[in-house]
């Protein structure tokens, strides 16, 4: 395998620069739009759930939004696919915390995130036999390096490339090369695809192209999966780096625009909900309570206690009043009382 940086490639061809211009403009618009949202955590929660679902679907881990939200809020709710999606979202959050705290992405960070996704501590591959398989066709696409020392040397090279400030190469182009290189190394027994897709957004945050992890290519890759594998192979076998980079840049452009639309939908839903809330239940309305109902689409009494700093009895009164007003739905599952923001669930599911 070649080491980064790929000096032999012309990364400033007219086609690449044109695609880069469009991607950069759309991403900058997304960053500015997201920064106008008062409560970024509401946005991040909603978007990371959709990303976790889409990224897991690439690996044939398929579940529903409803099951995901139940795993998030109900102790003892069992759905292995939904649990994997929730753990993937936790890994995104953990990666984001590390970036904010340490300001770099290391091999150890990737090992930690992969461990969260796969629930094991196997770490870097030590035994041969791993292959990259098209999850759709089951065709073997590629056999990555098998020797542990070679894998670790390649990861060290990748880590240096990720964290080195480069005035010559735009970060979005670097992200496309980093994604290709990481998936080519395929350092883990399992979870390489999902870890690699988390690495994409962490790299954008690391380089201040986004303030928070809200742009994900999984939905784009899902829709263009055959092209993804085709271009990955062409890059490796024929040095067709240009079409690979353009594919990733087009993904950034398209996904940025789609994420802006999702943010607008969430904003509109919150405004509509707020208006109805203030009209029907003016005595209990507060911005903190509204935000709590959109922080996760399922909530419980103790969540409202903690977030709104009220007694358990008051929190229960709030939630039951919202159910009576048609603003929430109530579910009793076992001994759990769950309150569901069905409007937000439907919005995210349909988007």
C-alpha atoms as a PDB file:
ATOM      1  CA  UNK A   1       0.000   0.000   0.000  1.00  0.00           C
ATOM      2  CA  UNK A   2       1.093   3.552  -0.722  1.00  0.00           C
ATOM      3  CA  UNK A   3       1.827   5.949   2.110  1.00  0.00           C
ATOM      4  CA  UNK A   4       0.241   9.388   2.483  1.00  0.00           C
ATOM      5  CA  UNK A   5       0.615  12.042   1.186  1.00  0.00           C
ATOM      6  CA  UNK A   6       0.081  10.930  -2.388  1.00  0.00           C
ATOM      7  CA  UNK A   7       2.550  13.351  -3.976  1.00  0.00           C
ATOM      8  CA  UNK A   8       2.188  11.811  -7.419  1.00  0.00           C
ATOM      9  CA  UNK A   9      -1.446  12.904  -7.723  1.00  0.00           C
ATOM     10  CA  UNK A  10      -2.558  16.264  -9.077  1.00  0.00           C
ATOM     11  CA  UNK A  11      -5.146  17.298  -6.503  1.00  0.00           C
ATOM     12  CA  UNK A  12      -5.974  20.568  -8.260  1.00  0.00           C
ATOM     13  CA  UNK A  13      -7.420  19.417 -11.563  1.00  0.00           C
ATOM     14  CA  UNK A  14     -10.202  21.624 -12.962  1.00  0.00           C
ATOM     15  CA  UNK A  15     -12.838  18.962 -12.175  1.00  0.00           C
ATOM     16  CA  UNK A  16     -11.675  18.575  -8.573  1.00  0.00           C
ATOM     17  CA  UNK A  17     -11.525  22.327  -8.001  1.00  0.00           C
ATOM     18  CA  UNK A  18     -15.005  22.809  -9.418  1.00  0.00           C
ATOM     19  CA  UNK A  19     -16.440  20.115  -7.153  1.00  0.00           C
ATOM     20  CA  UNK A  20     -14.431  21.503  -4.210  1.00  0.00           C
ATOM     21  CA  UNK A  21     -15.855  24.974  -4.744  1.00  0.00           C
ATOM     22  CA  UNK A  22     -19.446  23.701  -4.614  1.00  0.00           C
ATOM     23  CA  UNK A  23     -18.797  21.450  -1.620  1.00  0.00           C
ATOM     24  CA  UNK A  24     -17.022  24.196   0.334  1.00  0.00           C
ATOM     25  CA  UNK A  25     -19.806  26.694  -0.336  1.00  0.00           C
ATOM     26  CA  UNK A  26     -22.535  24.276   0.779  1.00  0.00           C
ATOM     27  CA  UNK A  27     -20.605  23.209   3.879  1.00  0.00           C
ATOM     28  CA  UNK A  28     -19.950  26.818   4.895  1.00  0.00           C
ATOM     29  CA  UNK A  29     -23.659  27.558   4.504  1.00  0.00           C
ATOM     30  CA  UNK A  30     -24.479  24.575   6.727  1.00  0.00           C
ATOM     31  CA  UNK A  31     -21.999  25.698   9.373  1.00  0.00           C
ATOM     32  CA  UNK A  32     -23.447  29.209   9.448  1.00  0.00           C
ATOM     33  CA  UNK A  33     -27.019  27.968   9.505  1.00  0.00           C
ATOM     34  CA  UNK A  34     -26.335  25.479  12.304  1.00  0.00           C
ATOM     35  CA  UNK A  35     -24.623  28.161  14.394  1.00  0.00           C
ATOM     36  CA  UNK A  36     -27.853  30.175  14.345  1.00  0.00           C
ATOM     37  CA  UNK A  37     -29.679  27.439  16.295  1.00  0.00           C
ATOM     38  CA  UNK A  38     -29.947  28.354  20.009  1.00  0.00           C
ATOM     39  CA  UNK A  39     -29.728  24.777  21.285  1.00  0.00           C
ATOM     40  CA  UNK A  40     -27.169  22.880  19.184  1.00  0.00           C
ATOM     41  CA  UNK A  41     -27.649  19.683  21.194  1.00  0.00           C
ATOM     42  CA  UNK A  42     -31.214  19.282  19.910  1.00  0.00           C
ATOM     43  CA  UNK A  43     -29.896  19.440  16.365  1.00  0.00           C
ATOM     44  CA  UNK A  44     -26.983  17.103  17.062  1.00  0.00           C
ATOM     45  CA  UNK A  45     -29.221  14.506  18.723  1.00  0.00           C
ATOM     46  CA  UNK A  46     -31.661  14.434  15.831  1.00  0.00           C
ATOM     47  CA  UNK A  47     -29.014  14.290  13.113  1.00  0.00           C
ATOM     48  CA  UNK A  48     -26.769  11.754  14.832  1.00  0.00           C
ATOM     49  CA  UNK A  49     -29.701   9.366  15.270  1.00  0.00           C
ATOM     50  CA  UNK A  50     -30.429   9.493  11.537  1.00  0.00           C
ATOM     51  CA  UNK A  51     -26.726   9.066  10.778  1.00  0.00           C
ATOM     52  CA  UNK A  52     -26.364   6.123  13.140  1.00  0.00           C
ATOM     53  CA  UNK A  53     -29.348   4.460  11.487  1.00  0.00           C
ATOM     54  CA  UNK A  54     -28.076   5.090   7.927  1.00  0.00           C
ATOM     55  CA  UNK A  55     -24.473   4.122   8.674  1.00  0.00           C
ATOM     56  CA  UNK A  56     -25.567   0.887  10.316  1.00  0.00           C
ATOM     57  CA  UNK A  57     -27.868   0.123   7.386  1.00  0.00           C
ATOM     58  CA  UNK A  58     -24.814   0.093   5.090  1.00  0.00           C
ATOM     59  CA  UNK A  59     -23.627  -2.866   7.192  1.00  0.00           C
ATOM     60  CA  UNK A  60     -27.080  -4.520   6.960  1.00  0.00           C
ATOM     61  CA  UNK A  61     -27.978  -3.565  10.537  1.00  0.00           C
ATOM     62  CA  UNK A  62     -31.556  -2.477   9.943  1.00  0.00           C
ATOM     63  CA  UNK A  63     -33.964  -1.143  12.560  1.00  0.00           C
ATOM     64  CA  UNK A  64     -36.678   1.493  13.028  1.00  0.00           C
ATOM     65  CA  UNK A  65     -36.635   4.931  14.603  1.00  0.00           C
ATOM     66  CA  UNK A  66     -39.214   3.738  17.108  1.00  0.00           C
ATOM     67  CA  UNK A  67     -36.988   0.887  18.319  1.00  0.00           C
ATOM     68  CA  UNK A  68     -33.971   3.201  18.513  1.00  0.00           C
ATOM     69  CA  UNK A  69     -35.814   5.681  20.701  1.00  0.00           C
ATOM     70  CA  UNK A  70     -37.120   2.929  22.966  1.00  0.00           C
ATOM     71  CA  UNK A  71     -33.594   1.623  23.512  1.00  0.00           C
ATOM     72  CA  UNK A  72     -32.567   5.175  24.411  1.00  0.00           C
ATOM     73  CA  UNK A  73     -35.256   5.655  27.015  1.00  0.00           C
ATOM     74  CA  UNK A  74     -36.538   2.317  28.283  1.00  0.00           C
ATOM     75  CA  UNK A  75     -34.451   0.205  30.616  1.00  0.00           C
ATOM     76  CA  UNK A  76     -34.634  -3.415  29.581  1.00  0.00           C
ATOM     77  CA  UNK A  77     -35.979  -2.835  26.045  1.00  0.00           C
ATOM     78  CA  UNK A  78     -34.269  -5.466  23.889  1.00  0.00           C
ATOM     79  CA  UNK A  79     -33.574  -4.951  20.184  1.00  0.00           C
ATOM     80  CA  UNK A  80     -30.017  -5.835  19.204  1.00  0.00           C
ATOM     81  CA  UNK A  81     -30.014  -3.881  15.935  1.00  0.00           C
ATOM     82  CA  UNK A  82     -31.400  -0.777  17.623  1.00  0.00           C
ATOM     83  CA  UNK A  83     -28.860  -1.177  20.441  1.00  0.00           C
ATOM     84  CA  UNK A  84     -26.043  -1.235  17.869  1.00  0.00           C
ATOM     85  CA  UNK A  85     -27.354   1.983  16.330  1.00  0.00           C
ATOM     86  CA  UNK A  86     -27.553   3.663  19.754  1.00  0.00           C
ATOM     87  CA  UNK A  87     -24.012   2.561  20.576  1.00  0.00           C
ATOM     88  CA  UNK A  88     -22.846   3.978  17.255  1.00  0.00           C
ATOM     89  CA  UNK A  89     -24.349   7.332  18.200  1.00  0.00           C
ATOM     90  CA  UNK A  90     -22.573   7.142  21.561  1.00  0.00           C
ATOM     91  CA  UNK A  91     -19.298   6.605  19.705  1.00  0.00           C
ATOM     92  CA  UNK A  92     -19.946   9.754  17.630  1.00  0.00           C
ATOM     93  CA  UNK A  93     -20.488  11.773  20.816  1.00  0.00           C
ATOM     94  CA  UNK A  94     -17.386  10.298  22.431  1.00  0.00           C
ATOM     95  CA  UNK A  95     -15.269  11.145  19.394  1.00  0.00           C
ATOM     96  CA  UNK A  96     -16.599  14.699  19.420  1.00  0.00           C
ATOM     97  CA  UNK A  97     -15.739  15.083  23.121  1.00  0.00           C
ATOM     98  CA  UNK A  98     -12.185  13.881  22.477  1.00  0.00           C
ATOM     99  CA  UNK A  99     -11.709  16.297  19.564  1.00  0.00           C
ATOM    100  CA  UNK A 100     -12.900  19.205  21.691  1.00  0.00           C
ATOM    101  CA  UNK A 101     -10.687  18.187  24.592  1.00  0.00           C
ATOM    102  CA  UNK A 102      -7.470  17.105  22.851  1.00  0.00           C
ATOM    103  CA  UNK A 103      -7.554  18.693  19.400  1.00  0.00           C
ATOM    104  CA  UNK A 104      -6.207  15.680  17.521  1.00  0.00           C
ATOM    105  CA  UNK A 105      -7.264  12.271  16.193  1.00  0.00           C
ATOM    106  CA  UNK A 106      -4.998   9.355  17.095  1.00  0.00           C
ATOM    107  CA  UNK A 107      -5.000   5.649  16.348  1.00  0.00           C
ATOM    108  CA  UNK A 108      -5.956   5.079  19.995  1.00  0.00           C
ATOM    109  CA  UNK A 109      -9.033   7.271  19.540  1.00  0.00           C
ATOM    110  CA  UNK A 110     -10.133   5.171  16.566  1.00  0.00           C
ATOM    111  CA  UNK A 111      -9.516   1.973  18.552  1.00  0.00           C
ATOM    112  CA  UNK A 112     -11.686   3.324  21.390  1.00  0.00           C
ATOM    113  CA  UNK A 113     -14.532   4.277  19.052  1.00  0.00           C
ATOM    114  CA  UNK A 114     -14.420   0.929  17.247  1.00  0.00           C
ATOM    115  CA  UNK A 115     -14.558  -0.806  20.635  1.00  0.00           C
ATOM    116  CA  UNK A 116     -17.704   1.141  21.518  1.00  0.00           C
ATOM    117  CA  UNK A 117     -19.311   0.178  18.207  1.00  0.00           C
ATOM    118  CA  UNK A 118     -18.424  -3.506  18.346  1.00  0.00           C
ATOM    119  CA  UNK A 119     -18.475  -4.115  22.142  1.00  0.00           C
ATOM    120  CA  UNK A 120     -15.061  -5.709  22.187  1.00  0.00           C
ATOM    121  CA  UNK A 121     -11.445  -4.890  22.883  1.00  0.00           C
ATOM    122  CA  UNK A 122      -9.955  -6.828  19.986  1.00  0.00           C
ATOM    123  CA  UNK A 123      -8.211  -3.663  18.761  1.00  0.00           C
ATOM    124  CA  UNK A 124      -5.953  -3.724  15.701  1.00  0.00           C
ATOM    125  CA  UNK A 125      -6.090  -6.909  13.622  1.00  0.00           C
ATOM    126  CA  UNK A 126      -3.446  -9.487  14.554  1.00  0.00           C
ATOM    127  CA  UNK A 127      -4.670 -12.491  12.572  1.00  0.00           C
ATOM    128  CA  UNK A 128      -5.052 -12.800   8.763  1.00  0.00           C
ATOM    129  CA  UNK A 129      -8.307 -13.476   6.952  1.00  0.00           C
ATOM    130  CA  UNK A 130     -10.096 -10.083   6.864  1.00  0.00           C
ATOM    131  CA  UNK A 131     -11.633  -9.047   3.530  1.00  0.00           C
ATOM    132  CA  UNK A 132     -13.672  -6.053   2.396  1.00  0.00           C
ATOM    133  CA  UNK A 133     -17.014  -7.352   1.113  1.00  0.00           C
ATOM    134  CA  UNK A 134     -19.785  -5.511  -0.734  1.00  0.00           C
ATOM    135  CA  UNK A 135     -22.601  -5.837   1.815  1.00  0.00           C
ATOM    136  CA  UNK A 136     -25.125  -5.703  -1.032  1.00  0.00           C
ATOM    137  CA  UNK A 137     -23.677  -8.319  -3.409  1.00  0.00           C
ATOM    138  CA  UNK A 138     -21.366 -10.198  -0.957  1.00  0.00           C
ATOM    139  CA  UNK A 139     -18.604  -9.858  -3.552  1.00  0.00           C
ATOM    140  CA  UNK A 140     -15.050  -9.628  -2.170  1.00  0.00           C
ATOM    141  CA  UNK A 141     -13.968  -6.130  -3.131  1.00  0.00           C
ATOM    142  CA  UNK A 142     -10.525  -6.064  -1.611  1.00  0.00           C
ATOM    143  CA  UNK A 143      -8.123  -7.913   0.664  1.00  0.00           C
ATOM    144  CA  UNK A 144      -6.396  -5.385   2.967  1.00  0.00           C
ATOM    145  CA  UNK A 145      -2.919  -5.717   4.549  1.00  0.00           C
ATOM    146  CA  UNK A 146      -2.768  -8.774   6.802  1.00  0.00           C
ATOM    147  CA  UNK A 147       0.409  -8.238   8.833  1.00  0.00           C
ATOM    148  CA  UNK A 148      -0.077  -6.450  12.167  1.00  0.00           C
ATOM    149  CA  UNK A 149       3.152  -4.468  11.951  1.00  0.00           C
ATOM    150  CA  UNK A 150       2.280  -3.233   8.451  1.00  0.00           C
ATOM    151  CA  UNK A 151      -1.202  -2.239   9.628  1.00  0.00           C
ATOM    152  CA  UNK A 152       0.231  -0.292  12.581  1.00  0.00           C
ATOM    153  CA  UNK A 153       2.832   1.439  10.368  1.00  0.00           C
ATOM    154  CA  UNK A 154       0.098   2.458   7.934  1.00  0.00           C
ATOM    155  CA  UNK A 155      -2.052   3.760  10.783  1.00  0.00           C
ATOM    156  CA  UNK A 156       0.851   5.823  12.135  1.00  0.00           C
ATOM    157  CA  UNK A 157       1.300   7.327   8.672  1.00  0.00           C
ATOM    158  CA  UNK A 158      -2.447   8.033   8.500  1.00  0.00           C
ATOM    159  CA  UNK A 159      -2.461   9.600  11.978  1.00  0.00           C
ATOM    160  CA  UNK A 160       0.398  11.931  10.999  1.00  0.00           C
ATOM    161  CA  UNK A 161      -1.419  12.934   7.818  1.00  0.00           C
ATOM    162  CA  UNK A 162      -4.694  13.585   9.660  1.00  0.00           C
ATOM    163  CA  UNK A 163      -3.132  15.897  12.238  1.00  0.00           C
ATOM    164  CA  UNK A 164      -0.631  17.733  10.055  1.00  0.00           C
ATOM    165  CA  UNK A 165      -1.747  21.198   8.983  1.00  0.00           C
ATOM    166  CA  UNK A 166      -1.435  21.397   5.221  1.00  0.00           C
ATOM    167  CA  UNK A 167      -1.550  24.696   3.378  1.00  0.00           C
ATOM    168  CA  UNK A 168      -1.327  23.005  -0.018  1.00  0.00           C
ATOM    169  CA  UNK A 169      -4.248  20.567   0.165  1.00  0.00           C
ATOM    170  CA  UNK A 170      -7.789  21.592   1.088  1.00  0.00           C
ATOM    171  CA  UNK A 171      -9.176  19.712   4.136  1.00  0.00           C
ATOM    172  CA  UNK A 172     -12.136  18.384   2.125  1.00  0.00           C
ATOM    173  CA  UNK A 173      -9.786  16.788  -0.387  1.00  0.00           C
ATOM    174  CA  UNK A 174      -7.712  15.432   2.481  1.00  0.00           C
ATOM    175  CA  UNK A 175     -10.881  13.965   4.009  1.00  0.00           C
ATOM    176  CA  UNK A 176     -11.564  12.049   0.782  1.00  0.00           C
ATOM    177  CA  UNK A 177      -8.013  10.658   0.800  1.00  0.00           C
ATOM    178  CA  UNK A 178      -8.151   9.866   4.531  1.00  0.00           C
ATOM    179  CA  UNK A 179     -11.401   7.960   4.067  1.00  0.00           C
ATOM    180  CA  UNK A 180      -9.922   5.960   1.183  1.00  0.00           C
ATOM    181  CA  UNK A 181      -6.745   5.186   3.114  1.00  0.00           C
ATOM    182  CA  UNK A 182      -8.507   4.165   6.331  1.00  0.00           C
ATOM    183  CA  UNK A 183     -10.867   1.805   4.523  1.00  0.00           C
ATOM    184  CA  UNK A 184      -7.908   0.420   2.540  1.00  0.00           C
ATOM    185  CA  UNK A 185      -5.989  -0.311   5.755  1.00  0.00           C
ATOM    186  CA  UNK A 186      -9.170  -1.839   7.251  1.00  0.00           C
ATOM    187  CA  UNK A 187      -7.428  -2.072  10.633  1.00  0.00           C
ATOM    188  CA  UNK A 188     -10.151  -3.851  12.620  1.00  0.00           C
ATOM    189  CA  UNK A 189     -11.836  -7.227  12.384  1.00  0.00           C
ATOM    190  CA  UNK A 190     -15.245  -5.503  12.328  1.00  0.00           C
ATOM    191  CA  UNK A 191     -16.652  -1.980  12.400  1.00  0.00           C
ATOM    192  CA  UNK A 192     -14.229  -0.448   9.874  1.00  0.00           C
ATOM    193  CA  UNK A 193     -16.956   1.147   7.764  1.00  0.00           C
ATOM    194  CA  UNK A 194     -18.759   2.766  10.666  1.00  0.00           C
ATOM    195  CA  UNK A 195     -15.522   3.889  12.333  1.00  0.00           C
ATOM    196  CA  UNK A 196     -14.350   5.367   9.038  1.00  0.00           C
ATOM    197  CA  UNK A 197     -17.571   7.297   8.609  1.00  0.00           C
ATOM    198  CA  UNK A 198     -17.240   8.748  12.118  1.00  0.00           C
ATOM    199  CA  UNK A 199     -13.658   9.706  11.249  1.00  0.00           C
ATOM    200  CA  UNK A 200     -14.991  11.783   8.328  1.00  0.00           C
ATOM    201  CA  UNK A 201     -17.063  14.117  10.497  1.00  0.00           C
ATOM    202  CA  UNK A 202     -14.479  14.279  13.285  1.00  0.00           C
ATOM    203  CA  UNK A 203     -11.945  15.461  10.724  1.00  0.00           C
ATOM    204  CA  UNK A 204     -14.322  18.241   9.635  1.00  0.00           C
ATOM    205  CA  UNK A 205     -14.721  19.352  13.265  1.00  0.00           C
ATOM    206  CA  UNK A 206     -10.957  19.090  13.847  1.00  0.00           C
ATOM    207  CA  UNK A 207     -10.394  21.501  10.956  1.00  0.00           C
ATOM    208  CA  UNK A 208     -13.170  23.884  12.078  1.00  0.00           C
ATOM    209  CA  UNK A 209     -15.216  23.304   8.936  1.00  0.00           C
ATOM    210  CA  UNK A 210     -18.047  22.455  11.339  1.00  0.00           C
ATOM    211  CA  UNK A 211     -18.536  23.363  14.982  1.00  0.00           C
ATOM    212  CA  UNK A 212     -20.422  20.161  15.782  1.00  0.00           C
ATOM    213  CA  UNK A 213     -20.740  16.692  14.192  1.00  0.00           C
ATOM    214  CA  UNK A 214     -23.791  17.224  11.999  1.00  0.00           C
ATOM    215  CA  UNK A 215     -22.678  16.235   8.483  1.00  0.00           C
ATOM    216  CA  UNK A 216     -22.645  12.570   7.528  1.00  0.00           C
ATOM    217  CA  UNK A 217     -22.215  10.846   4.181  1.00  0.00           C
ATOM    218  CA  UNK A 218     -23.920   7.563   5.097  1.00  0.00           C
ATOM    219  CA  UNK A 219     -27.251   8.351   3.458  1.00  0.00           C
ATOM    220  CA  UNK A 220     -25.418   9.511   0.323  1.00  0.00           C
ATOM    221  CA  UNK A 221     -23.269   6.352   0.284  1.00  0.00           C
ATOM    222  CA  UNK A 222     -26.364   4.202   0.832  1.00  0.00           C
ATOM    223  CA  UNK A 223     -28.021   5.726  -2.215  1.00  0.00           C
ATOM    224  CA  UNK A 224     -24.852   5.422  -4.307  1.00  0.00           C
ATOM    225  CA  UNK A 225     -23.389   2.234  -2.842  1.00  0.00           C
ATOM    226  CA  UNK A 226     -22.455   0.568  -6.139  1.00  0.00           C
ATOM    227  CA  UNK A 227     -20.606   3.683  -7.269  1.00  0.00           C
ATOM    228  CA  UNK A 228     -18.813   3.875  -3.913  1.00  0.00           C
ATOM    229  CA  UNK A 229     -17.382   0.362  -4.272  1.00  0.00           C
ATOM    230  CA  UNK A 230     -16.651   0.853  -7.977  1.00  0.00           C
ATOM    231  CA  UNK A 231     -14.665   4.051  -7.406  1.00  0.00           C
ATOM    232  CA  UNK A 232     -12.893   2.596  -4.375  1.00  0.00           C
ATOM    233  CA  UNK A 233     -11.684  -0.241  -6.598  1.00  0.00           C
ATOM    234  CA  UNK A 234     -10.755   2.060  -9.482  1.00  0.00           C
ATOM    235  CA  UNK A 235      -8.690   4.259  -7.165  1.00  0.00           C
ATOM    236  CA  UNK A 236      -6.743   1.256  -5.919  1.00  0.00           C
ATOM    237  CA  UNK A 237      -6.330  -0.595  -9.202  1.00  0.00           C
ATOM    238  CA  UNK A 238      -6.140   2.208 -11.776  1.00  0.00           C
ATOM    239  CA  UNK A 239      -5.065   5.269  -9.725  1.00  0.00           C
ATOM    240  CA  UNK A 240      -8.410   6.900 -10.539  1.00  0.00           C
ATOM    241  CA  UNK A 241      -8.160   9.232  -7.570  1.00  0.00           C
ATOM    242  CA  UNK A 242      -9.942  12.099  -9.358  1.00  0.00           C
ATOM    243  CA  UNK A 243     -13.360  10.425  -9.627  1.00  0.00           C
ATOM    244  CA  UNK A 244     -13.102   9.182  -6.022  1.00  0.00           C
ATOM    245  CA  UNK A 245     -12.375  12.675  -4.678  1.00  0.00           C
ATOM    246  CA  UNK A 246     -15.172  14.185  -6.768  1.00  0.00           C
ATOM    247  CA  UNK A 247     -17.594  11.504  -5.516  1.00  0.00           C
ATOM    248  CA  UNK A 248     -16.810  12.414  -1.896  1.00  0.00           C
ATOM    249  CA  UNK A 249     -16.993  16.159  -2.602  1.00  0.00           C
ATOM    250  CA  UNK A 250     -20.373  15.723  -4.295  1.00  0.00           C
ATOM    251  CA  UNK A 251     -21.459  13.842  -1.194  1.00  0.00           C
ATOM    252  CA  UNK A 252     -20.418  16.750   1.021  1.00  0.00           C
ATOM    253  CA  UNK A 253     -22.318  19.189  -1.209  1.00  0.00           C
ATOM    254  CA  UNK A 254     -25.503  17.123  -1.395  1.00  0.00           C
ATOM    255  CA  UNK A 255     -25.477  16.140   2.276  1.00  0.00           C
ATOM    256  CA  UNK A 256     -24.861  19.736   3.403  1.00  0.00           C
ATOM    257  CA  UNK A 257     -27.914  20.897   1.466  1.00  0.00           C
ATOM    258  CA  UNK A 258     -30.034  18.045   2.828  1.00  0.00           C
ATOM    259  CA  UNK A 259     -28.928  18.751   6.394  1.00  0.00           C
ATOM    260  CA  UNK A 260     -29.886  22.414   6.021  1.00  0.00           C
ATOM    261  CA  UNK A 261     -33.356  21.289   4.938  1.00  0.00           C
ATOM    262  CA  UNK A 262     -33.607  19.005   7.966  1.00  0.00           C
ATOM    263  CA  UNK A 263     -32.588  21.845  10.291  1.00  0.00           C
ATOM    264  CA  UNK A 264     -35.277  24.050   8.744  1.00  0.00           C
ATOM    265  CA  UNK A 265     -37.882  21.323   9.251  1.00  0.00           C
ATOM    266  CA  UNK A 266     -36.895  20.903  12.901  1.00  0.00           C
ATOM    267  CA  UNK A 267     -37.010  24.669  13.421  1.00  0.00           C
ATOM    268  CA  UNK A 268     -40.452  24.931  11.837  1.00  0.00           C
ATOM    269  CA  UNK A 269     -41.748  22.003  13.887  1.00  0.00           C
ATOM    270  CA  UNK A 270     -40.436  23.563  17.098  1.00  0.00           C
ATOM    271  CA  UNK A 271     -42.041  26.907  16.287  1.00  0.00           C
ATOM    272  CA  UNK A 272     -45.386  25.289  15.459  1.00  0.00           C
ATOM    273  CA  UNK A 273     -45.199  23.142  18.580  1.00  0.00           C
ATOM    274  CA  UNK A 274     -44.286  26.154  20.715  1.00  0.00           C
ATOM    275  CA  UNK A 275     -47.237  28.164  19.417  1.00  0.00           C
ATOM    276  CA  UNK A 276     -49.670  25.328  20.141  1.00  0.00           C
ATOM    277  CA  UNK A 277     -48.070  24.683  23.546  1.00  0.00           C
ATOM    278  CA  UNK A 278     -48.355  28.354  24.595  1.00  0.00           C
ATOM    279  CA  UNK A 279     -51.955  28.524  23.384  1.00  0.00           C
ATOM    280  CA  UNK A 280     -53.151  25.338  25.083  1.00  0.00           C
ATOM    281  CA  UNK A 281     -50.993  25.290  28.222  1.00  0.00           C
ATOM    282  CA  UNK A 282     -49.670  28.809  28.886  1.00  0.00           C
ATOM    283  CA  UNK A 283     -49.322  28.203  32.643  1.00  0.00           C
ATOM    284  CA  UNK A 284     -46.747  25.425  32.291  1.00  0.00           C
ATOM    285  CA  UNK A 285     -44.882  26.605  29.182  1.00  0.00           C
ATOM    286  CA  UNK A 286     -41.153  27.331  29.445  1.00  0.00           C
ATOM    287  CA  UNK A 287     -38.309  27.302  26.941  1.00  0.00           C
ATOM    288  CA  UNK A 288     -36.534  24.660  29.065  1.00  0.00           C
ATOM    289  CA  UNK A 289     -39.535  22.341  28.898  1.00  0.00           C
ATOM    290  CA  UNK A 290     -39.921  22.851  25.139  1.00  0.00           C
ATOM    291  CA  UNK A 291     -36.237  22.090  24.576  1.00  0.00           C
ATOM    292  CA  UNK A 292     -36.527  18.968  26.737  1.00  0.00           C
ATOM    293  CA  UNK A 293     -39.339  17.637  24.568  1.00  0.00           C
ATOM    294  CA  UNK A 294     -37.132  17.989  21.467  1.00  0.00           C
ATOM    295  CA  UNK A 295     -33.845  16.903  23.071  1.00  0.00           C
ATOM    296  CA  UNK A 296     -34.865  13.264  22.637  1.00  0.00           C
ATOM    297  CA  UNK A 297     -38.148  12.287  21.034  1.00  0.00           C
ATOM    298  CA  UNK A 298     -38.974  10.005  23.954  1.00  0.00           C
ATOM    299  CA  UNK A 299     -38.872  11.373  27.467  1.00  0.00           C
ATOM    300  CA  UNK A 300     -39.591  10.260  31.006  1.00  0.00           C
ATOM    301  CA  UNK A 301     -40.591  11.987  34.200  1.00  0.00           C
ATOM    302  CA  UNK A 302     -37.072  11.948  35.643  1.00  0.00           C
ATOM    303  CA  UNK A 303     -35.693  13.617  32.482  1.00  0.00           C
ATOM    304  CA  UNK A 304     -38.035  16.571  33.020  1.00  0.00           C
ATOM    305  CA  UNK A 305     -37.142  16.655  36.710  1.00  0.00           C
ATOM    306  CA  UNK A 306     -33.448  16.978  35.874  1.00  0.00           C
ATOM    307  CA  UNK A 307     -33.664  19.316  32.901  1.00  0.00           C
ATOM    308  CA  UNK A 308     -36.331  21.675  34.236  1.00  0.00           C
ATOM    309  CA  UNK A 309     -35.316  21.507  37.906  1.00  0.00           C
ATOM    310  CA  UNK A 310     -38.791  20.632  39.172  1.00  0.00           C
ATOM    311  CA  UNK A 311     -40.164  17.986  41.542  1.00  0.00           C
ATOM    312  CA  UNK A 312     -41.191  14.579  40.265  1.00  0.00           C
ATOM    313  CA  UNK A 313     -44.848  15.387  40.881  1.00  0.00           C
ATOM    314  CA  UNK A 314     -44.579  18.629  38.909  1.00  0.00           C
ATOM    315  CA  UNK A 315     -42.764  16.868  36.042  1.00  0.00           C
ATOM    316  CA  UNK A 316     -45.502  14.212  35.913  1.00  0.00           C
ATOM    317  CA  UNK A 317     -48.179  16.917  35.878  1.00  0.00           C
ATOM    318  CA  UNK A 318     -46.453  18.683  32.979  1.00  0.00           C
ATOM    319  CA  UNK A 319     -46.157  15.544  30.882  1.00  0.00           C
ATOM    320  CA  UNK A 320     -49.701  14.331  31.529  1.00  0.00           C
ATOM    321  CA  UNK A 321     -51.058  17.774  30.670  1.00  0.00           C
ATOM    322  CA  UNK A 322     -49.136  17.653  27.379  1.00  0.00           C
ATOM    323  CA  UNK A 323     -50.662  14.248  26.628  1.00  0.00           C
ATOM    324  CA  UNK A 324     -54.164  15.572  27.341  1.00  0.00           C
ATOM    325  CA  UNK A 325     -53.477  18.522  25.034  1.00  0.00           C
ATOM    326  CA  UNK A 326     -52.424  16.202  22.200  1.00  0.00           C
ATOM    327  CA  UNK A 327     -48.812  17.388  22.248  1.00  0.00           C
ATOM    328  CA  UNK A 328     -47.327  14.095  23.449  1.00  0.00           C
ATOM    329  CA  UNK A 329     -48.316  10.439  23.350  1.00  0.00           C
ATOM    330  CA  UNK A 330     -48.155   8.202  26.413  1.00  0.00           C
ATOM    331  CA  UNK A 331     -46.945   4.594  26.431  1.00  0.00           C
ATOM    332  CA  UNK A 332     -46.798   2.198  29.363  1.00  0.00           C
ATOM    333  CA  UNK A 333     -44.265  -0.548  28.733  1.00  0.00           C
ATOM    334  CA  UNK A 334     -43.789  -2.811  31.701  1.00  0.00           C
ATOM    335  CA  UNK A 335     -43.241  -0.466  34.612  1.00  0.00           C
ATOM    336  CA  UNK A 336     -41.928   2.329  32.397  1.00  0.00           C
ATOM    337  CA  UNK A 337     -43.948   5.452  31.620  1.00  0.00           C
ATOM    338  CA  UNK A 338     -42.789   6.879  28.294  1.00  0.00           C
ATOM    339  CA  UNK A 339     -43.867  10.156  26.700  1.00  0.00           C
ATOM    340  CA  UNK A 340     -43.376  10.377  22.955  1.00  0.00           C
ATOM    341  CA  UNK A 341     -42.994  13.417  20.691  1.00  0.00           C
ATOM    342  CA  UNK A 342     -44.595  11.698  17.699  1.00  0.00           C
ATOM    343  CA  UNK A 343     -44.357  14.781  15.509  1.00  0.00           C
ATOM    344  CA  UNK A 344     -40.577  14.833  15.719  1.00  0.00           C
ATOM    345  CA  UNK A 345     -40.381  11.065  15.221  1.00  0.00           C
ATOM    346  CA  UNK A 346     -42.455  11.331  12.048  1.00  0.00           C
ATOM    347  CA  UNK A 347     -40.374  14.227  10.771  1.00  0.00           C
ATOM    348  CA  UNK A 348     -37.081  12.371  11.223  1.00  0.00           C
ATOM    349  CA  UNK A 349     -38.444   9.100   9.878  1.00  0.00           C
ATOM    350  CA  UNK A 350     -39.864  10.670   6.722  1.00  0.00           C
ATOM    351  CA  UNK A 351     -36.766  12.774   6.076  1.00  0.00           C
END
